[in-house]
């Protein structure tokens, strides 16, 4: 039996090889999805920057500008904070999503 492996050894090696192939195929799919998402984010950011450059000297907001920049606005339930009525809103921008801007009352590190 020179140069030949047993059927049992071949079966073990074959099973290991098949499992490794499946794991690699799964990893390739994950990485492809990651790359696609990264490209979409990059394109969205580039598009948003082009919009910003186009509208750098806005004198007055109009419906067209809002449609170009804003996907949706979420208005939350009003609350009483320190005796004042406070109502939080969240603006979801086209291409880049929500941007968290610290309020003037929040301290930054």
Foldseek 3Di string as FASTA:
>chain_A
DPPDDDPVVVVVVVVVVVVVVVVVVVVVVVVVVVVVVVVLLVVLVVQVVVLCVVCVPDPDDDPVNCVQWFPDKAKADWDADPNDIDIDMWTQTGSNGTDDDDDPPDDDD
